[in-house]
Amino acid sequence: MTEKDVQQLGEAIEHLDKAKTILKRVQIEISSELFRLENKKEKR
């Protein structure tokens, strides 16, 4: 593996980490939205 390969791998891993962070945020938002909708249903 050349130094460039290693560098590209490092960059790819960084991008994946960022994507994972974004996905976690989205997942939390979806969960809280679903929770809110469930609560609305029960109040009726």
PDB file of N, CA and C in Angstrom:
ATOM      1  N   MET A   1       0.836  -1.198   0.000  1.00  0.00           N
ATOM      2  CA  MET A   1       0.000   0.000   0.000  1.00  0.00           C
ATOM      3  C   MET A   1       0.877   1.255   0.000  1.00  0.00           C
ATOM      4  N   THR A   2       0.600   2.133  -0.924  1.00  0.00           N
ATOM      5  CA  THR A   2       1.389   3.358  -0.991  1.00  0.00           C
ATOM      6  C   THR A   2       0.873   4.376   0.024  1.00  0.00           C
ATOM      7  N   GLU A   3       1.650   5.424   0.190  1.00  0.00           N
ATOM      8  CA  GLU A   3       1.261   6.476   1.131  1.00  0.00           C
ATOM      9  C   GLU A   3      -0.041   7.132   0.682  1.00  0.00           C
ATOM     10  N   LYS A   4      -0.209   7.230  -0.647  1.00  0.00           N
ATOM     11  CA  LYS A   4      -1.424   7.843  -1.193  1.00  0.00           C
ATOM     12  C   LYS A   4      -2.644   6.979  -0.862  1.00  0.00           C
ATOM     13  N   ASP A   5      -2.494   5.656  -0.965  1.00  0.00           N
ATOM     14  CA  ASP A   5      -3.587   4.744  -0.615  1.00  0.00           C
ATOM     15  C   ASP A   5      -4.009   4.949   0.832  1.00  0.00           C
ATOM     16  N   VAL A   6      -3.010   5.024   1.699  1.00  0.00           N
ATOM     17  CA  VAL A   6      -3.278   5.203   3.118  1.00  0.00           C
ATOM     18  C   VAL A   6      -4.013   6.529   3.351  1.00  0.00           C
ATOM     19  N   GLN A   7      -3.568   7.571   2.665  1.00  0.00           N
ATOM     20  CA  GLN A   7      -4.190   8.889   2.798  1.00  0.00           C
ATOM     21  C   GLN A   7      -5.645   8.842   2.340  1.00  0.00           C
ATOM     22  N   GLN A   8      -5.890   8.172   1.206  1.00  0.00           N
ATOM     23  CA  GLN A   8      -7.249   8.076   0.677  1.00  0.00           C
ATOM     24  C   GLN A   8      -8.153   7.283   1.625  1.00  0.00           C
ATOM     25  N   LEU A   9      -7.595   6.237   2.206  1.00  0.00           N
ATOM     26  CA  LEU A   9      -8.361   5.457   3.178  1.00  0.00           C
ATOM     27  C   LEU A   9      -8.736   6.316   4.377  1.00  0.00           C
ATOM     28  N   GLY A  10      -7.786   7.096   4.849  1.00  0.00           N
ATOM     29  CA  GLY A  10      -8.042   7.983   5.976  1.00  0.00           C
ATOM     30  C   GLY A  10      -9.151   8.964   5.667  1.00  0.00           C
ATOM     31  N   GLU A  11      -9.131   9.519   4.459  1.00  0.00           N
ATOM     32  CA  GLU A  11     -10.162  10.462   4.042  1.00  0.00           C
ATOM     33  C   GLU A  11     -11.526   9.773   3.947  1.00  0.00           C
ATOM     34  N   ALA A  12     -11.529   8.569   3.405  1.00  0.00           N
ATOM     35  CA  ALA A  12     -12.776   7.818   3.283  1.00  0.00           C
ATOM     36  C   ALA A  12     -13.380   7.553   4.664  1.00  0.00           C
ATOM     37  N   ILE A  13     -12.519   7.184   5.609  1.00  0.00           N
ATOM     38  CA  ILE A  13     -12.980   6.912   6.972  1.00  0.00           C
ATOM     39  C   ILE A  13     -13.557   8.182   7.602  1.00  0.00           C
ATOM     40  N   GLU A  14     -12.911   9.323   7.359  1.00  0.00           N
ATOM     41  CA  GLU A  14     -13.422  10.602   7.855  1.00  0.00           C
ATOM     42  C   GLU A  14     -14.814  10.878   7.315  1.00  0.00           C
ATOM     43  N   HIS A  15     -14.994  10.671   6.014  1.00  0.00           N
ATOM     44  CA  HIS A  15     -16.296  10.894   5.386  1.00  0.00           C
ATOM     45  C   HIS A  15     -17.351   9.982   5.993  1.00  0.00           C
ATOM     46  N   LEU A  16     -16.981   8.714   6.222  1.00  0.00           N
ATOM     47  CA  LEU A  16     -17.919   7.773   6.818  1.00  0.00           C
ATOM     48  C   LEU A  16     -18.306   8.194   8.234  1.00  0.00           C
ATOM     49  N   ASP A  17     -17.328   8.679   8.998  1.00  0.00           N
ATOM     50  CA  ASP A  17     -17.608   9.153  10.345  1.00  0.00           C
ATOM     51  C   ASP A  17     -18.595  10.310  10.325  1.00  0.00           C
ATOM     52  N   LYS A  18     -18.381  11.248   9.390  1.00  0.00           N
ATOM     53  CA  LYS A  18     -19.294  12.386   9.270  1.00  0.00           C
ATOM     54  C   LYS A  18     -20.690  11.908   8.904  1.00  0.00           C
ATOM     55  N   ALA A  19     -20.769  10.974   7.954  1.00  0.00           N
ATOM     56  CA  ALA A  19     -22.055  10.436   7.522  1.00  0.00           C
ATOM     57  C   ALA A  19     -22.763   9.748   8.688  1.00  0.00           C
ATOM     58  N   LYS A  20     -21.988   9.007   9.484  1.00  0.00           N
ATOM     59  CA  LYS A  20     -22.549   8.298  10.634  1.00  0.00           C
ATOM     60  C   LYS A  20     -23.135   9.286  11.641  1.00  0.00           C
ATOM     61  N   THR A  21     -22.422  10.380  11.867  1.00  0.00           N
ATOM     62  CA  THR A  21     -22.895  11.414  12.783  1.00  0.00           C
ATOM     63  C   THR A  21     -24.218  12.002  12.290  1.00  0.00           C
ATOM     64  N   ILE A  22     -24.282  12.292  10.990  1.00  0.00           N
ATOM     65  CA  ILE A  22     -25.503  12.852  10.402  1.00  0.00           C
ATOM     66  C   ILE A  22     -26.648  11.851  10.531  1.00  0.00           C
ATOM     67  N   LEU A  23     -26.371  10.587  10.232  1.00  0.00           N
ATOM     68  CA  LEU A  23     -27.415   9.570  10.314  1.00  0.00           C
ATOM     69  C   LEU A  23     -27.941   9.411  11.738  1.00  0.00           C
ATOM     70  N   LYS A  24     -27.042   9.482  12.729  1.00  0.00           N
ATOM     71  CA  LYS A  24     -27.475   9.393  14.124  1.00  0.00           C
ATOM     72  C   LYS A  24     -28.423  10.523  14.458  1.00  0.00           C
ATOM     73  N   ARG A  25     -28.074  11.748  13.993  1.00  0.00           N
ATOM     74  CA  ARG A  25     -28.909  12.914  14.232  1.00  0.00           C
ATOM     75  C   ARG A  25     -30.285  12.720  13.618  1.00  0.00           C
ATOM     76  N   VAL A  26     -30.309  12.230  12.374  1.00  0.00           N
ATOM     77  CA  VAL A  26     -31.574  11.999  11.666  1.00  0.00           C
ATOM     78  C   VAL A  26     -32.393  10.944  12.409  1.00  0.00           C
ATOM     79  N   GLN A  27     -31.716   9.898  12.858  1.00  0.00           N
ATOM     80  CA  GLN A  27     -32.394   8.823  13.571  1.00  0.00           C
ATOM     81  C   GLN A  27     -33.049   9.342  14.848  1.00  0.00           C
ATOM     82  N   ILE A  28     -32.344  10.202  15.565  1.00  0.00           N
ATOM     83  CA  ILE A  28     -32.884  10.788  16.787  1.00  0.00           C
ATOM     84  C   ILE A  28     -34.105  11.642  16.465  1.00  0.00           C
ATOM     85  N   GLU A  29     -34.009  12.447  15.397  1.00  0.00           N
ATOM     86  CA  GLU A  29     -35.133  13.288  14.999  1.00  0.00           C
ATOM     87  C   GLU A  29     -36.348  12.447  14.639  1.00  0.00           C
ATOM     88  N   ILE A  30     -36.136  11.373  13.890  1.00  0.00           N
ATOM     89  CA  ILE A  30     -37.239  10.496  13.489  1.00  0.00           C
ATOM     90  C   ILE A  30     -37.861   9.848  14.726  1.00  0.00           C
ATOM     91  N   SER A  31     -37.017   9.381  15.637  1.00  0.00           N
ATOM     92  CA  SER A  31     -37.516   8.742  16.856  1.00  0.00           C
ATOM     93  C   SER A  31     -38.379   9.687  17.670  1.00  0.00           C
ATOM     94  N   SER A  32     -37.902  10.930  17.840  1.00  0.00           N
ATOM     95  CA  SER A  32     -38.675  11.860  18.651  1.00  0.00           C
ATOM     96  C   SER A  32     -39.966  12.266  17.939  1.00  0.00           C
ATOM     97  N   GLU A  33     -39.931  12.331  16.630  1.00  0.00           N
ATOM     98  CA  GLU A  33     -41.135  12.644  15.852  1.00  0.00           C
ATOM     99  C   GLU A  33     -42.163  11.523  15.997  1.00  0.00           C
ATOM    100  N   LEU A  34     -41.707  10.281  15.897  1.00  0.00           N
ATOM    101  CA  LEU A  34     -42.613   9.140  16.061  1.00  0.00           C
ATOM    102  C   LEU A  34     -43.204   9.122  17.460  1.00  0.00           C
ATOM    103  N   PHE A  35     -42.371   9.408  18.446  1.00  0.00           N
ATOM    104  CA  PHE A  35     -42.814   9.449  19.834  1.00  0.00           C
ATOM    105  C   PHE A  35     -43.914  10.494  20.002  1.00  0.00           C
ATOM    106  N   ARG A  36     -43.678  11.670  19.396  1.00  0.00           N
ATOM    107  CA  ARG A  36     -44.641  12.762  19.466  1.00  0.00           C
ATOM    108  C   ARG A  36     -45.977  12.354  18.824  1.00  0.00           C
ATOM    109  N   LEU A  37     -45.903  11.702  17.678  1.00  0.00           N
ATOM    110  CA  LEU A  37     -47.118  11.269  16.981  1.00  0.00           C
ATOM    111  C   LEU A  37     -47.870  10.218  17.799  1.00  0.00           C
ATOM    112  N   GLU A  38     -47.142   9.299  18.414  1.00  0.00           N
ATOM    113  CA  GLU A  38     -47.778   8.278  19.250  1.00  0.00           C
ATOM    114  C   GLU A  38     -48.523   8.939  20.410  1.00  0.00           C
ATOM    115  N   ASN A  39     -47.892   9.922  21.034  1.00  0.00           N
ATOM    116  CA  ASN A  39     -48.521  10.622  22.153  1.00  0.00           C
ATOM    117  C   ASN A  39     -49.790  11.341  21.710  1.00  0.00           C
ATOM    118  N   LYS A  40     -49.752  11.947  20.515  1.00  0.00           N
ATOM    119  CA  LYS A  40     -50.926  12.623  19.972  1.00  0.00           C
ATOM    120  C   LYS A  40     -52.086  11.646  19.828  1.00  0.00           C
ATOM    121  N   LYS A  41     -51.784  10.457  19.301  1.00  0.00           N
ATOM    122  CA  LYS A  41     -52.819   9.437  19.076  1.00  0.00           C
ATOM    123  C   LYS A  41     -53.490   9.049  20.389  1.00  0.00           C
ATOM    124  N   GLU A  42     -52.672   8.861  21.426  1.00  0.00           N
ATOM    125  CA  GLU A  42     -53.208   8.399  22.711  1.00  0.00           C
ATOM    126  C   GLU A  42     -54.096   9.439  23.379  1.00  0.00           C
ATOM    127  N   LYS A  43     -53.819  10.720  23.121  1.00  0.00           N
ATOM    128  CA  LYS A  43     -54.584  11.778  23.772  1.00  0.00           C
ATOM    129  C   LYS A  43     -56.002  11.894  23.220  1.00  0.00           C
ATOM    130  N   ARG A  44     -56.229  11.399  22.001  1.00  0.00           N
ATOM    131  CA  ARG A  44     -57.565  11.482  21.397  1.00  0.00           C
ATOM    132  C   ARG A  44     -58.571  10.599  22.088  1.00  0.00           C
TER     133      ARG A  44
END
